[in-house]
Amino acid sequence: MRLDLIIEEDMAEEIGRILGYDKVKGEIPKINFQPKQNEIYSKILFARTKLLNDGYSEVMNSTFCNTGEVSVLASASDRIF
């Protein structure tokens, strides 16, 4: 399941990448591309947008090791007003 395929051009780019851009004809065919809505992703995006609009900050961390503990703050006491 690909969540990054939003518009028709995204699908066309992926087809060209997989087949090879040199094999893609210069004519653009009309396709009826309608991606399926991912319900879980939509809910996550809604919650994220709501929290960001309410003034919360988003932090994305990455690590170079695949072991360790994961923790989540129990409260929003570090929120900046």
PDB file of N, CA and C in Angstrom:
ATOM      1  N   MET A   1       0.850  -1.162   0.000  1.00  0.00           N
ATOM      2  CA  MET A   1       0.000   0.000   0.000  1.00  0.00           C
ATOM      3  C   MET A   1       0.902   1.232   0.000  1.00  0.00           C
ATOM      4  N   ARG A   2       0.672   2.122  -0.922  1.00  0.00           N
ATOM      5  CA  ARG A   2       1.492   3.309  -1.061  1.00  0.00           C
ATOM      6  C   ARG A   2       0.670   4.532  -0.670  1.00  0.00           C
ATOM      7  N   LEU A   3       1.058   5.187   0.393  1.00  0.00           N
ATOM      8  CA  LEU A   3       0.340   6.373   0.868  1.00  0.00           C
ATOM      9  C   LEU A   3       0.815   7.637   0.172  1.00  0.00           C
ATOM     10  N   ASP A   4       1.921   7.546  -0.572  1.00  0.00           N
ATOM     11  CA  ASP A   4       2.461   8.735  -1.218  1.00  0.00           C
ATOM     12  C   ASP A   4       1.931   8.928  -2.633  1.00  0.00           C
ATOM     13  N   LEU A   5       1.095   8.029  -3.135  1.00  0.00           N
ATOM     14  CA  LEU A   5       0.498   8.190  -4.454  1.00  0.00           C
ATOM     15  C   LEU A   5      -0.820   8.943  -4.294  1.00  0.00           C
ATOM     16  N   ILE A   6      -0.750  10.243  -4.514  1.00  0.00           N
ATOM     17  CA  ILE A   6      -1.908  11.094  -4.258  1.00  0.00           C
ATOM     18  C   ILE A   6      -2.606  11.491  -5.555  1.00  0.00           C
ATOM     19  N   ILE A   7      -1.834  11.932  -6.537  1.00  0.00           N
ATOM     20  CA  ILE A   7      -2.415  12.431  -7.785  1.00  0.00           C
ATOM     21  C   ILE A   7      -1.960  11.546  -8.940  1.00  0.00           C
ATOM     22  N   GLU A   8      -2.559  11.756 -10.117  1.00  0.00           N
ATOM     23  CA  GLU A   8      -2.255  10.943 -11.286  1.00  0.00           C
ATOM     24  C   GLU A   8      -0.780  10.994 -11.650  1.00  0.00           C
ATOM     25  N   GLU A   9      -0.164  12.148 -11.487  1.00  0.00           N
ATOM     26  CA  GLU A   9       1.242  12.305 -11.849  1.00  0.00           C
ATOM     27  C   GLU A   9       2.152  11.419 -10.987  1.00  0.00           C
ATOM     28  N   ASP A  10       1.751  11.184  -9.734  1.00  0.00           N
ATOM     29  CA  ASP A  10       2.522  10.293  -8.868  1.00  0.00           C
ATOM     30  C   ASP A  10       2.540   8.878  -9.438  1.00  0.00           C
ATOM     31  N   MET A  11       1.390   8.410  -9.909  1.00  0.00           N
ATOM     32  CA  MET A  11       1.308   7.074 -10.491  1.00  0.00           C
ATOM     33  C   MET A  11       2.107   7.010 -11.790  1.00  0.00           C
ATOM     34  N   ALA A  12       2.011   8.033 -12.615  1.00  0.00           N
ATOM     35  CA  ALA A  12       2.760   8.062 -13.873  1.00  0.00           C
ATOM     36  C   ALA A  12       4.262   8.033 -13.604  1.00  0.00           C
ATOM     37  N   GLU A  13       4.712   8.744 -12.604  1.00  0.00           N
ATOM     38  CA  GLU A  13       6.132   8.764 -12.259  1.00  0.00           C
ATOM     39  C   GLU A  13       6.603   7.375 -11.818  1.00  0.00           C
ATOM     40  N   GLU A  14       5.797   6.682 -11.029  1.00  0.00           N
ATOM     41  CA  GLU A  14       6.165   5.348 -10.571  1.00  0.00           C
ATOM     42  C   GLU A  14       6.224   4.358 -11.734  1.00  0.00           C
ATOM     43  N   ILE A  15       5.282   4.453 -12.654  1.00  0.00           N
ATOM     44  CA  ILE A  15       5.291   3.570 -13.821  1.00  0.00           C
ATOM     45  C   ILE A  15       6.542   3.815 -14.642  1.00  0.00           C
ATOM     46  N   GLY A  16       6.879   5.083 -14.862  1.00  0.00           N
ATOM     47  CA  GLY A  16       8.085   5.413 -15.605  1.00  0.00           C
ATOM     48  C   GLY A  16       9.339   4.932 -14.896  1.00  0.00           C
ATOM     49  N   ARG A  17       9.373   5.046 -13.605  1.00  0.00           N
ATOM     50  CA  ARG A  17      10.541   4.614 -12.838  1.00  0.00           C
ATOM     51  C   ARG A  17      10.721   3.100 -12.933  1.00  0.00           C
ATOM     52  N   ILE A  18       9.613   2.354 -12.854  1.00  0.00           N
ATOM     53  CA  ILE A  18       9.693   0.896 -12.871  1.00  0.00           C
ATOM     54  C   ILE A  18       9.994   0.376 -14.281  1.00  0.00           C
ATOM     55  N   LEU A  19       9.272   0.884 -15.284  1.00  0.00           N
ATOM     56  CA  LEU A  19       9.469   0.407 -16.653  1.00  0.00           C
ATOM     57  C   LEU A  19      10.741   0.943 -17.284  1.00  0.00           C
ATOM     58  N   GLY A  20      11.131   2.115 -16.877  1.00  0.00           N
ATOM     59  CA  GLY A  20      12.256   2.813 -17.502  1.00  0.00           C
ATOM     60  C   GLY A  20      11.714   3.982 -18.296  1.00  0.00           C
ATOM     61  N   TYR A  21      12.238   5.163 -18.039  1.00  0.00           N
ATOM     62  CA  TYR A  21      11.709   6.362 -18.682  1.00  0.00           C
ATOM     63  C   TYR A  21      11.879   6.317 -20.198  1.00  0.00           C
ATOM     64  N   ASP A  22      12.893   5.608 -20.686  1.00  0.00           N
ATOM     65  CA  ASP A  22      13.117   5.523 -22.126  1.00  0.00           C
ATOM     66  C   ASP A  22      12.054   4.680 -22.833  1.00  0.00           C
ATOM     67  N   LYS A  23      11.307   3.850 -22.105  1.00  0.00           N
ATOM     68  CA  LYS A  23      10.282   2.994 -22.696  1.00  0.00           C
ATOM     69  C   LYS A  23       8.889   3.628 -22.654  1.00  0.00           C
ATOM     70  N   VAL A  24       8.759   4.754 -21.991  1.00  0.00           N
ATOM     71  CA  VAL A  24       7.458   5.419 -21.879  1.00  0.00           C
ATOM     72  C   VAL A  24       7.217   6.256 -23.117  1.00  0.00           C
ATOM     73  N   LYS A  25       6.061   6.064 -23.744  1.00  0.00           N
ATOM     74  CA  LYS A  25       5.710   6.819 -24.946  1.00  0.00           C
ATOM     75  C   LYS A  25       5.444   8.278 -24.604  1.00  0.00           C
ATOM     76  N   GLY A  26       5.589   9.127 -25.590  1.00  0.00           N
ATOM     77  CA  GLY A  26       5.392  10.559 -25.412  1.00  0.00           C
ATOM     78  C   GLY A  26       3.935  10.971 -25.271  1.00  0.00           C
ATOM     79  N   GLU A  27       3.014  10.073 -25.564  1.00  0.00           N
ATOM     80  CA  GLU A  27       1.591  10.379 -25.458  1.00  0.00           C
ATOM     81  C   GLU A  27       1.092  10.048 -24.060  1.00  0.00           C
ATOM     82  N   ILE A  28       0.289  10.895 -23.516  1.00  0.00           N
ATOM     83  CA  ILE A  28      -0.267  10.661 -22.181  1.00  0.00           C
ATOM     84  C   ILE A  28      -1.661  10.060 -22.329  1.00  0.00           C
ATOM     85  N   PRO A  29      -1.832   8.796 -21.917  1.00  0.00           N
ATOM     86  CA  PRO A  29      -3.164   8.198 -22.005  1.00  0.00           C
ATOM     87  C   PRO A  29      -4.064   8.711 -20.887  1.00  0.00           C
ATOM     88  N   LYS A  30      -5.336   8.724 -21.132  1.00  0.00           N
ATOM     89  CA  LYS A  30      -6.295   9.135 -20.117  1.00  0.00           C
ATOM     90  C   LYS A  30      -6.620   7.927 -19.255  1.00  0.00           C
ATOM     91  N   ILE A  31      -6.312   8.020 -17.987  1.00  0.00           N
ATOM     92  CA  ILE A  31      -6.628   6.935 -17.057  1.00  0.00           C
ATOM     93  C   ILE A  31      -7.528   7.476 -15.956  1.00  0.00           C
ATOM     94  N   ASN A  32      -8.332   6.612 -15.430  1.00  0.00           N
ATOM     95  CA  ASN A  32      -9.220   6.992 -14.338  1.00  0.00           C
ATOM     96  C   ASN A  32      -8.581   6.510 -13.040  1.00  0.00           C
ATOM     97  N   PHE A  33      -7.638   7.303 -12.526  1.00  0.00           N
ATOM     98  CA  PHE A  33      -6.901   6.929 -11.319  1.00  0.00           C
ATOM     99  C   PHE A  33      -7.555   7.578 -10.111  1.00  0.00           C
ATOM    100  N   GLN A  34      -8.081   6.750  -9.242  1.00  0.00           N
ATOM    101  CA  GLN A  34      -8.671   7.236  -8.010  1.00  0.00           C
ATOM    102  C   GLN A  34      -8.132   6.389  -6.874  1.00  0.00           C
ATOM    103  N   PRO A  35      -7.153   6.923  -6.130  1.00  0.00           N
ATOM    104  CA  PRO A  35      -6.578   6.131  -5.045  1.00  0.00           C
ATOM    105  C   PRO A  35      -7.598   5.864  -3.951  1.00  0.00           C
ATOM    106  N   LYS A  36      -7.453   4.730  -3.302  1.00  0.00           N
ATOM    107  CA  LYS A  36      -8.338   4.403  -2.192  1.00  0.00           C
ATOM    108  C   LYS A  36      -7.933   5.217  -0.974  1.00  0.00           C
ATOM    109  N   GLN A  37      -8.907   5.637  -0.220  1.00  0.00           N
ATOM    110  CA  GLN A  37      -8.661   6.406   0.996  1.00  0.00           C
ATOM    111  C   GLN A  37      -8.281   5.455   2.121  1.00  0.00           C
ATOM    112  N   ASN A  38      -7.138   5.684   2.734  1.00  0.00           N
ATOM    113  CA  ASN A  38      -6.698   4.882   3.862  1.00  0.00           C
ATOM    114  C   ASN A  38      -7.280   5.503   5.128  1.00  0.00           C
ATOM    115  N   GLU A  39      -8.230   4.814   5.734  1.00  0.00           N
ATOM    116  CA  GLU A  39      -8.967   5.359   6.875  1.00  0.00           C
ATOM    117  C   GLU A  39      -8.069   5.628   8.087  1.00  0.00           C
ATOM    118  N   ILE A  40      -7.151   4.720   8.383  1.00  0.00           N
ATOM    119  CA  ILE A  40      -6.256   4.897   9.532  1.00  0.00           C
ATOM    120  C   ILE A  40      -5.333   6.096   9.304  1.00  0.00           C
ATOM    121  N   TYR A  41      -4.757   6.188   8.094  1.00  0.00           N
ATOM    122  CA  TYR A  41      -3.874   7.306   7.769  1.00  0.00           C
ATOM    123  C   TYR A  41      -4.626   8.632   7.861  1.00  0.00           C
ATOM    124  N   SER A  42      -5.870   8.660   7.400  1.00  0.00           N
ATOM    125  CA  SER A  42      -6.680   9.880   7.465  1.00  0.00           C
ATOM    126  C   SER A  42      -6.912  10.314   8.906  1.00  0.00           C
ATOM    127  N   LYS A  43      -7.173   9.359   9.798  1.00  0.00           N
ATOM    128  CA  LYS A  43      -7.388   9.691  11.203  1.00  0.00           C
ATOM    129  C   LYS A  43      -6.111  10.216  11.847  1.00  0.00           C
ATOM    130  N   ILE A  44      -4.979   9.593  11.527  1.00  0.00           N
ATOM    131  CA  ILE A  44      -3.694  10.056  12.063  1.00  0.00           C
ATOM    132  C   ILE A  44      -3.397  11.465  11.566  1.00  0.00           C
ATOM    133  N   LEU A  45      -3.613  11.706  10.281  1.00  0.00           N
ATOM    134  CA  LEU A  45      -3.367  13.030   9.708  1.00  0.00           C
ATOM    135  C   LEU A  45      -4.277  14.083  10.333  1.00  0.00           C
ATOM    136  N   PHE A  46      -5.546  13.727  10.581  1.00  0.00           N
ATOM    137  CA  PHE A  46      -6.479  14.655  11.217  1.00  0.00           C
ATOM    138  C   PHE A  46      -6.012  15.016  12.624  1.00  0.00           C
ATOM    139  N   ALA A  47      -5.624  13.987  13.403  1.00  0.00           N
ATOM    140  CA  ALA A  47      -5.166  14.226  14.776  1.00  0.00           C
ATOM    141  C   ALA A  47      -3.889  15.070  14.781  1.00  0.00           C
ATOM    142  N   ARG A  48      -2.961  14.761  13.886  1.00  0.00           N
ATOM    143  CA  ARG A  48      -1.709  15.513  13.792  1.00  0.00           C
ATOM    144  C   ARG A  48      -1.981  16.979  13.474  1.00  0.00           C
ATOM    145  N   THR A  49      -2.826  17.223  12.485  1.00  0.00           N
ATOM    146  CA  THR A  49      -3.158  18.592  12.083  1.00  0.00           C
ATOM    147  C   THR A  49      -3.841  19.337  13.217  1.00  0.00           C
ATOM    148  N   LYS A  50      -4.756  18.681  13.904  1.00  0.00           N
ATOM    149  CA  LYS A  50      -5.473  19.298  15.027  1.00  0.00           C
ATOM    150  C   LYS A  50      -4.500  19.702  16.130  1.00  0.00           C
ATOM    151  N   LEU A  51      -3.595  18.801  16.499  1.00  0.00           N
ATOM    152  CA  LEU A  51      -2.638  19.103  17.564  1.00  0.00           C
ATOM    153  C   LEU A  51      -1.679  20.221  17.167  1.00  0.00           C
ATOM    154  N   LEU A  52      -1.225  20.201  15.914  1.00  0.00           N
ATOM    155  CA  LEU A  52      -0.334  21.272  15.456  1.00  0.00           C
ATOM    156  C   LEU A  52      -1.048  22.620  15.450  1.00  0.00           C
ATOM    157  N   ASN A  53      -2.309  22.629  15.040  1.00  0.00           N
ATOM    158  CA  ASN A  53      -3.080  23.876  15.036  1.00  0.00           C
ATOM    159  C   ASN A  53      -3.366  24.380  16.446  1.00  0.00           C
ATOM    160  N   ASP A  54      -3.403  23.463  17.424  1.00  0.00           N
ATOM    161  CA  ASP A  54      -3.632  23.846  18.818  1.00  0.00           C
ATOM    162  C   ASP A  54      -2.350  24.298  19.518  1.00  0.00           C
ATOM    163  N   GLY A  55      -1.242  24.306  18.788  1.00  0.00           N
ATOM    164  CA  GLY A  55      -0.008  24.827  19.351  1.00  0.00           C
ATOM    165  C   GLY A  55       1.000  23.808  19.825  1.00  0.00           C
ATOM    166  N   TYR A  56       0.706  22.539  19.658  1.00  0.00           N
ATOM    167  CA  TYR A  56       1.675  21.514  20.040  1.00  0.00           C
ATOM    168  C   TYR A  56       2.792  21.448  19.002  1.00  0.00           C
ATOM    169  N   SER A  57       3.933  20.954  19.410  1.00  0.00           N
ATOM    170  CA  SER A  57       5.070  20.802  18.508  1.00  0.00           C
ATOM    171  C   SER A  57       5.219  19.336  18.129  1.00  0.00           C
ATOM    172  N   GLU A  58       5.731  19.114  16.934  1.00  0.00           N
ATOM    173  CA  GLU A  58       5.967  17.759  16.465  1.00  0.00           C
ATOM    174  C   GLU A  58       7.470  17.496  16.462  1.00  0.00           C
ATOM    175  N   VAL A  59       7.849  16.354  16.976  1.00  0.00           N
ATOM    176  CA  VAL A  59       9.252  15.953  16.992  1.00  0.00           C
ATOM    177  C   VAL A  59       9.366  14.603  16.316  1.00  0.00           C
ATOM    178  N   MET A  60      10.280  14.492  15.352  1.00  0.00           N
ATOM    179  CA  MET A  60      10.542  13.220  14.684  1.00  0.00           C
ATOM    180  C   MET A  60      12.001  12.891  14.903  1.00  0.00           C
ATOM    181  N   ASN A  61      12.247  11.806  15.586  1.00  0.00           N
ATOM    182  CA  ASN A  61      13.611  11.380  15.875  1.00  0.00           C
ATOM    183  C   ASN A  61      13.915  10.100  15.114  1.00  0.00           C
ATOM    184  N   SER A  62      15.155   9.944  14.754  1.00  0.00           N
ATOM    185  CA  SER A  62      15.588   8.687  14.165  1.00  0.00           C
ATOM    186  C   SER A  62      16.811   8.207  14.923  1.00  0.00           C
ATOM    187  N   THR A  63      17.023   6.919  14.883  1.00  0.00           N
ATOM    188  CA  THR A  63      18.137   6.336  15.607  1.00  0.00           C
ATOM    189  C   THR A  63      18.906   5.400  14.683  1.00  0.00           C
ATOM    190  N   PHE A  64      20.151   5.183  14.995  1.00  0.00           N
ATOM    191  CA  PHE A  64      20.974   4.315  14.173  1.00  0.00           C
ATOM    192  C   PHE A  64      21.101   2.910  14.754  1.00  0.00           C
ATOM    193  N   CYS A  65      20.357   2.617  15.806  1.00  0.00           N
ATOM    194  CA  CYS A  65      20.366   1.265  16.350  1.00  0.00           C
ATOM    195  C   CYS A  65      18.930   0.769  16.408  1.00  0.00           C
ATOM    196  N   ASN A  66      18.757  -0.527  16.365  1.00  0.00           N
ATOM    197  CA  ASN A  66      17.399  -1.075  16.334  1.00  0.00           C
ATOM    198  C   ASN A  66      17.020  -1.766  17.647  1.00  0.00           C
ATOM    199  N   THR A  67      17.708  -1.433  18.732  1.00  0.00           N
ATOM    200  CA  THR A  67      17.322  -1.969  20.033  1.00  0.00           C
ATOM    201  C   THR A  67      17.182  -0.818  21.010  1.00  0.00           C
ATOM    202  N   GLY A  68      16.432  -1.030  22.034  1.00  0.00           N
ATOM    203  CA  GLY A  68      16.252   0.003  23.043  1.00  0.00           C
ATOM    204  C   GLY A  68      14.797   0.156  23.419  1.00  0.00           C
ATOM    205  N   GLU A  69      14.544   1.095  24.295  1.00  0.00           N
ATOM    206  CA  GLU A  69      13.196   1.318  24.783  1.00  0.00           C
ATOM    207  C   GLU A  69      12.557   2.508  24.074  1.00  0.00           C
ATOM    208  N   VAL A  70      11.251   2.446  23.955  1.00  0.00           N
ATOM    209  CA  VAL A  70      10.476   3.534  23.387  1.00  0.00           C
ATOM    210  C   VAL A  70       9.652   4.123  24.509  1.00  0.00           C
ATOM    211  N   SER A  71       9.659   5.442  24.632  1.00  0.00           N
ATOM    212  CA  SER A  71       8.867   6.067  25.692  1.00  0.00           C
ATOM    213  C   SER A  71       8.060   7.225  25.125  1.00  0.00           C
ATOM    214  N   VAL A  72       6.944   7.475  25.748  1.00  0.00           N
ATOM    215  CA  VAL A  72       6.059   8.563  25.365  1.00  0.00           C
ATOM    216  C   VAL A  72       5.810   9.401  26.605  1.00  0.00           C
ATOM    217  N   LEU A  73       5.828  10.720  26.438  1.00  0.00           N
ATOM    218  CA  LEU A  73       5.553  11.588  27.574  1.00  0.00           C
ATOM    219  C   LEU A  73       4.138  11.366  28.069  1.00  0.00           C
ATOM    220  N   ALA A  74       3.980  11.291  29.376  1.00  0.00           N
ATOM    221  CA  ALA A  74       2.682  11.019  29.971  1.00  0.00           C
ATOM    222  C   ALA A  74       1.784  12.258  29.997  1.00  0.00           C
ATOM    223  N   SER A  75       2.390  13.442  29.934  1.00  0.00           N
ATOM    224  CA  SER A  75       1.588  14.658  29.964  1.00  0.00           C
ATOM    225  C   SER A  75       2.185  15.680  29.024  1.00  0.00           C
ATOM    226  N   ALA A  76       1.480  16.759  28.853  1.00  0.00           N
ATOM    227  CA  ALA A  76       1.947  17.836  27.989  1.00  0.00           C
ATOM    228  C   ALA A  76       2.555  18.953  28.831  1.00  0.00           C
ATOM    229  N   SER A  77       3.231  18.594  29.910  1.00  0.00           N
ATOM    230  CA  SER A  77       3.769  19.606  30.805  1.00  0.00           C
ATOM    231  C   SER A  77       4.927  20.382  30.162  1.00  0.00           C
ATOM    232  N   ASP A  78       5.498  19.834  29.088  1.00  0.00           N
ATOM    233  CA  ASP A  78       6.590  20.536  28.428  1.00  0.00           C
ATOM    234  C   ASP A  78       6.084  21.440  27.287  1.00  0.00           C
ATOM    235  N   ARG A  79       4.788  21.553  27.141  1.00  0.00           N
ATOM    236  CA  ARG A  79       4.193  22.364  26.087  1.00  0.00           C
ATOM    237  C   ARG A  79       4.495  23.834  26.312  1.00  0.00           C
ATOM    238  N   ILE A  80       4.886  24.515  25.262  1.00  0.00           N
ATOM    239  CA  ILE A  80       5.204  25.939  25.336  1.00  0.00           C
ATOM    240  C   ILE A  80       3.933  26.736  25.001  1.00  0.00           C
ATOM    241  N   PHE A  81       3.588  27.663  25.860  1.00  0.00           N
ATOM    242  CA  PHE A  81       2.382  28.462  25.627  1.00  0.00           C
ATOM    243  C   PHE A  81       2.724  29.781  25.020  1.00  0.00           C
TER     244      PHE A  81
END
